[in-house]
Every structure is written in C-alpha cells, then in structure tokens.
Amino acid sequence: MPSTDNVFTESERKQLLNVAAVSIRHGLKSGQPLLPALNEYPASLQVQRASFVTLRIDDDLRGCIGSLEAYQPLVMDVAHNAFAAAFRDPRFTPLKEIEFPALEIQISVLSPPTPLHFSDETDLLRQLRPGVDGLILTAQGHRGTFLPSVWESLPRPKDFLSELKRKAGLAENFWSRDVEVQRYTTESFSDTGKTG
C-alpha cells in the first residue's frame, strides 16, 4: 500500500520509470548504468531518497535491488538500482536483450525508516501493519528487509517476520534481546505497458 507522504505526480512517476528503462537499455549496450543529468529533472527527483527497483516478466520476479538508506539523489538511485536489478541480482543471470521488451518495471520509493520499540516478539507482531509496513530486521550481524508488497504473499504477521528472519540468514524461530526492527512505507508504481 503506497505511502501518502510526498506523493509523486504522474509526470514524476513517468520520468522515474523512464530513467529505470533507459538505464537498463544503456546497460545492455555498454555494461554500465546510466548517469542521469540531474539538471534535466525537477527538484523533487533530485532530493536524496532510497528506492527499490523490481523487475518482472509475465508476473515472475526477474530481479530486485534497492537502497535502504538515502545517500544520493532519487533519480540517480533509481538509475543505479534498475541497472543492478537487471544485471547484478545474484539470484538471476544478467538480463538479455531479448527479454527487455517483456520487462515490467516497478519502483518503490522508501520513507525514512523509524525504529520500532517492543518488549518481545509478541509485542513486535502486535505493532505490525500488514500491507503497509516494510521492515528492516538487524540482529547479530545479520540484516534483511521486506518491502510492503511482500505482505501480498505473506499476509500473516508471524509468517512475514519468520520469512524475514530467514532472508536475513537467521532461523525462523530465532529471537534475541538484540533484535532491532525499523519500519518504513513506500510509494510504489509501475509501467502499465511493457518497456519495449
């Protein structure tokens, strides 16, 4: 569920989706991500924000890479993450040119994460907002995140948290007093047609 904070206009969404597509196309030709010219974009897209870019072909995941912390202008972050999702996601082989026309691109822009305060796992589960919260879990040198869209396949808070622990490299039933959890929301949008 998108955040209502800092809502992007339709024009800004189209510009970000175009940056992602052009960065991937640029990567297919040059092996490098696109470096957008910042002065060609509105100030709202030059603000430092963190983003994730998710790629799908026929509804199947084809790559997903993102930033959890804002450290560069949003338009640069999207270009970088689109390239990385296409060519550097270790779960997939690098994207091939023949796949590009069928690619669906989704961009999720993250709100700044805020820490959750809880006494134990039950207390944490009570505070989760299914369909709204993205979570970052950190414990014993491990870290993992799930975007809010993951609630679609894991609608129960207990399952969501268990799978997040597994993603972070921890056991599903792991719990420790040093567990830290932050939550964030996203504004997500995708190209309605294909990129070709």
Protein backbone atom coordinates (compact mmCIF):
# COMPACT_ATOMS: atom_id res chain seq x y z
CA MET A 1 0.00 0.00 0.00
CA PRO A 2 1.59 3.28 -1.05
CA SER A 3 2.51 5.88 1.49
CA THR A 4 0.57 9.13 1.35
CA ASP A 5 3.77 11.04 2.19
CA ASN A 6 5.47 13.01 -0.55
CA VAL A 7 3.21 11.75 -3.34
CA PHE A 8 4.79 11.98 -6.79
CA THR A 9 2.89 13.45 -9.71
CA GLU A 10 2.06 11.31 -12.74
CA SER A 11 4.76 13.16 -14.67
CA GLU A 12 7.39 12.47 -11.97
CA ARG A 13 6.44 8.78 -11.87
CA LYS A 14 6.79 8.55 -15.66
CA GLN A 15 10.18 10.26 -15.51
CA LEU A 16 11.46 7.79 -12.89
CA LEU A 17 10.12 4.79 -14.82
CA ASN A 18 11.77 6.13 -17.97
CA VAL A 19 15.10 6.60 -16.13
CA ALA A 20 14.92 2.96 -15.00
CA ALA A 21 14.15 1.67 -18.51
CA VAL A 22 16.83 3.81 -20.15
CA SER A 23 19.41 2.74 -17.54
CA ILE A 24 18.68 -0.93 -18.31
CA ARG A 25 18.81 -0.33 -22.07
CA HIS A 26 22.10 1.57 -21.57
CA GLY A 27 23.40 -1.40 -19.54
CA LEU A 28 22.55 -3.86 -22.32
CA LYS A 29 24.64 -1.80 -24.76
CA SER A 30 27.51 -0.61 -22.56
CA GLY A 31 27.59 -2.82 -19.46
CA GLN A 32 27.33 0.34 -17.32
CA PRO A 33 24.43 2.07 -15.54
CA LEU A 34 23.09 5.35 -16.86
CA LEU A 35 24.29 8.52 -15.12
CA PRO A 36 21.33 10.91 -15.41
CA ALA A 37 21.96 14.64 -15.87
CA LEU A 38 20.43 15.98 -12.66
CA ASN A 39 19.62 19.41 -14.10
CA GLU A 40 17.16 17.76 -16.52
CA TYR A 41 14.90 16.68 -13.63
CA PRO A 42 12.64 18.58 -11.21
CA ALA A 43 13.91 19.35 -7.70
CA SER A 44 11.54 16.71 -6.26
CA LEU A 45 13.53 13.98 -8.06
CA GLN A 46 16.90 15.40 -7.00
CA VAL A 47 16.18 15.01 -3.27
CA GLN A 48 18.08 12.21 -1.53
CA ARG A 49 15.69 9.25 -1.22
CA ALA A 50 16.12 5.48 -1.05
CA SER A 51 14.45 3.29 -3.65
CA PHE A 52 13.98 -0.30 -4.81
CA VAL A 53 13.54 -1.38 -8.42
CA THR A 54 11.70 -4.65 -9.05
CA LEU A 55 11.69 -6.32 -12.46
CA ARG A 56 9.14 -8.89 -13.60
CA ILE A 57 8.48 -10.86 -16.78
CA ASP A 58 4.99 -12.40 -17.04
CA ASP A 59 4.45 -11.74 -13.32
CA ASP A 60 7.60 -13.72 -12.41
CA LEU A 61 10.34 -11.93 -10.47
CA ARG A 62 13.36 -11.17 -12.70
CA GLY A 63 15.39 -9.00 -10.31
CA CYS A 64 15.04 -6.70 -7.32
CA ILE A 65 17.72 -4.42 -5.90
CA GLY A 66 17.46 -1.34 -3.76
CA SER A 67 18.82 1.02 -1.15
CA LEU A 68 17.62 1.10 2.45
CA GLU A 69 19.19 4.47 3.24
CA ALA A 70 19.01 7.65 1.22
CA TYR A 71 22.53 8.62 0.13
CA GLN A 72 22.15 10.06 -3.38
CA PRO A 73 19.56 11.95 -5.48
CA LEU A 74 16.47 9.81 -6.14
CA VAL A 75 16.88 9.89 -9.92
CA MET A 76 20.46 8.56 -9.55
CA ASP A 77 19.32 5.92 -7.05
CA VAL A 78 16.65 4.64 -9.45
CA ALA A 79 19.09 4.51 -12.38
CA HIS A 80 21.66 2.62 -10.28
CA ASN A 81 19.14 0.16 -8.81
CA ALA A 82 17.46 -0.53 -12.16
CA PHE A 83 20.83 -1.46 -13.65
CA ALA A 84 21.70 -3.59 -10.61
CA ALA A 85 18.30 -5.37 -10.64
CA ALA A 86 18.79 -6.26 -14.32
CA PHE A 87 22.43 -7.32 -14.22
CA ARG A 88 23.66 -7.82 -10.64
CA ASP A 89 20.91 -9.61 -8.69
CA PRO A 90 22.79 -12.78 -7.62
CA ARG A 91 19.58 -14.85 -7.83
CA PHE A 92 19.35 -14.39 -11.60
CA THR A 93 21.50 -14.45 -14.71
CA PRO A 94 22.11 -10.99 -16.22
CA LEU A 95 19.20 -9.74 -18.32
CA LYS A 96 19.44 -10.46 -22.04
CA GLU A 97 18.37 -8.06 -24.78
CA ILE A 98 15.67 -10.47 -25.97
CA GLU A 99 13.97 -10.19 -22.54
CA PHE A 100 13.86 -6.40 -22.46
CA PRO A 101 10.60 -5.84 -24.39
CA ALA A 102 8.67 -8.07 -21.94
CA LEU A 103 10.07 -6.40 -18.82
CA GLU A 104 7.74 -4.78 -16.27
CA ILE A 105 9.45 -2.24 -14.03
CA GLN A 106 8.20 -1.33 -10.56
CA ILE A 107 9.75 1.44 -8.46
CA SER A 108 9.26 1.73 -4.70
CA VAL A 109 10.41 4.96 -3.02
CA LEU A 110 11.00 4.46 0.69
CA SER A 111 10.10 6.77 3.53
CA PRO A 112 12.90 7.27 6.09
CA PRO A 113 12.88 4.18 8.39
CA THR A 114 11.80 4.61 12.02
CA PRO A 115 12.70 2.23 14.87
CA LEU A 116 10.04 0.07 16.48
CA HIS A 117 10.14 -0.34 20.28
CA PHE A 118 8.95 -3.68 21.64
CA SER A 119 9.39 -5.86 24.72
CA ASP A 120 9.37 -9.24 22.94
CA GLU A 121 8.39 -10.90 19.66
CA THR A 122 4.67 -10.97 20.53
CA ASP A 123 4.74 -7.24 21.20
CA LEU A 124 6.52 -6.65 17.88
CA LEU A 125 3.96 -8.73 15.96
CA ARG A 126 1.12 -6.71 17.53
CA GLN A 127 2.60 -3.49 16.15
CA LEU A 128 2.99 -4.63 12.54
CA ARG A 129 0.62 -3.16 9.94
CA PRO A 130 0.04 -5.78 7.21
CA GLY A 131 0.09 -4.31 3.72
CA VAL A 132 1.60 -1.04 4.98
CA ASP A 133 4.93 -1.70 6.72
CA GLY A 134 8.22 -2.53 5.11
CA LEU A 135 10.61 -3.91 7.73
CA ILE A 136 14.36 -3.89 8.24
CA LEU A 137 15.49 -6.52 10.75
CA THR A 138 19.01 -6.45 12.23
CA ALA A 139 20.46 -8.98 14.72
CA GLN A 140 23.88 -10.47 15.45
CA GLY A 141 25.49 -9.03 12.33
CA HIS A 142 22.62 -10.16 10.07
CA ARG A 143 20.28 -7.84 8.20
CA GLY A 144 17.31 -8.25 5.89
CA THR A 145 14.37 -6.29 4.57
CA PHE A 146 10.95 -6.96 3.08
CA LEU A 147 9.08 -4.31 1.10
CA PRO A 148 5.40 -3.79 1.96
CA SER A 149 4.47 -5.64 -1.26
CA VAL A 150 5.69 -8.91 0.34
CA TRP A 151 2.53 -8.86 2.52
CA GLU A 152 0.64 -9.97 -0.62
CA SER A 153 2.29 -13.39 -0.42
CA LEU A 154 2.79 -13.45 3.39
CA PRO A 155 -0.33 -11.79 4.87
CA ARG A 156 0.10 -13.11 8.45
CA PRO A 157 2.50 -11.05 10.62
CA LYS A 158 4.07 -14.19 12.13
CA ASP A 159 4.84 -15.64 8.67
CA PHE A 160 6.09 -12.26 7.41
CA LEU A 161 8.51 -11.95 10.34
CA SER A 162 9.64 -15.61 10.16
CA GLU A 163 10.47 -15.33 6.46
CA LEU A 164 12.24 -12.03 7.04
CA LYS A 165 14.44 -13.71 9.65
CA ARG A 166 15.26 -16.45 7.14
CA LYS A 167 16.09 -13.86 4.49
CA ALA A 168 18.46 -12.19 6.97
CA GLY A 169 20.24 -15.53 7.49
CA LEU A 170 18.66 -16.35 10.86
CA ALA A 171 16.49 -19.27 11.97
CA GLU A 172 12.71 -18.76 11.66
CA ASN A 173 12.29 -19.17 15.43
CA PHE A 174 15.32 -17.01 16.28
CA TRP A 175 14.83 -14.38 18.97
CA SER A 176 17.27 -12.33 20.98
CA ARG A 177 17.18 -9.14 23.01
CA ASP A 178 19.48 -7.50 20.46
CA VAL A 179 16.93 -7.77 17.62
CA GLU A 180 16.33 -4.33 16.09
CA VAL A 181 13.46 -3.62 13.73
CA GLN A 182 12.75 -0.48 11.73
CA ARG A 183 9.70 0.15 9.64
CA TYR A 184 9.13 2.24 6.53
CA THR A 185 6.41 2.80 3.97
CA THR A 186 6.75 3.01 0.21
CA GLU A 187 5.19 4.80 -2.68
CA SER A 188 5.18 2.19 -5.45
CA PHE A 189 4.31 2.49 -9.13
CA SER A 190 5.00 0.51 -12.30
CA ASP A 191 4.80 0.93 -16.03
CA THR A 192 1.38 -0.21 -17.21
CA GLY A 193 2.64 -1.45 -20.54
CA LYS A 194 5.96 -3.07 -21.35
CA THR A 195 9.25 -1.22 -21.69
CA GLY A 196 9.84 -2.05 -25.35
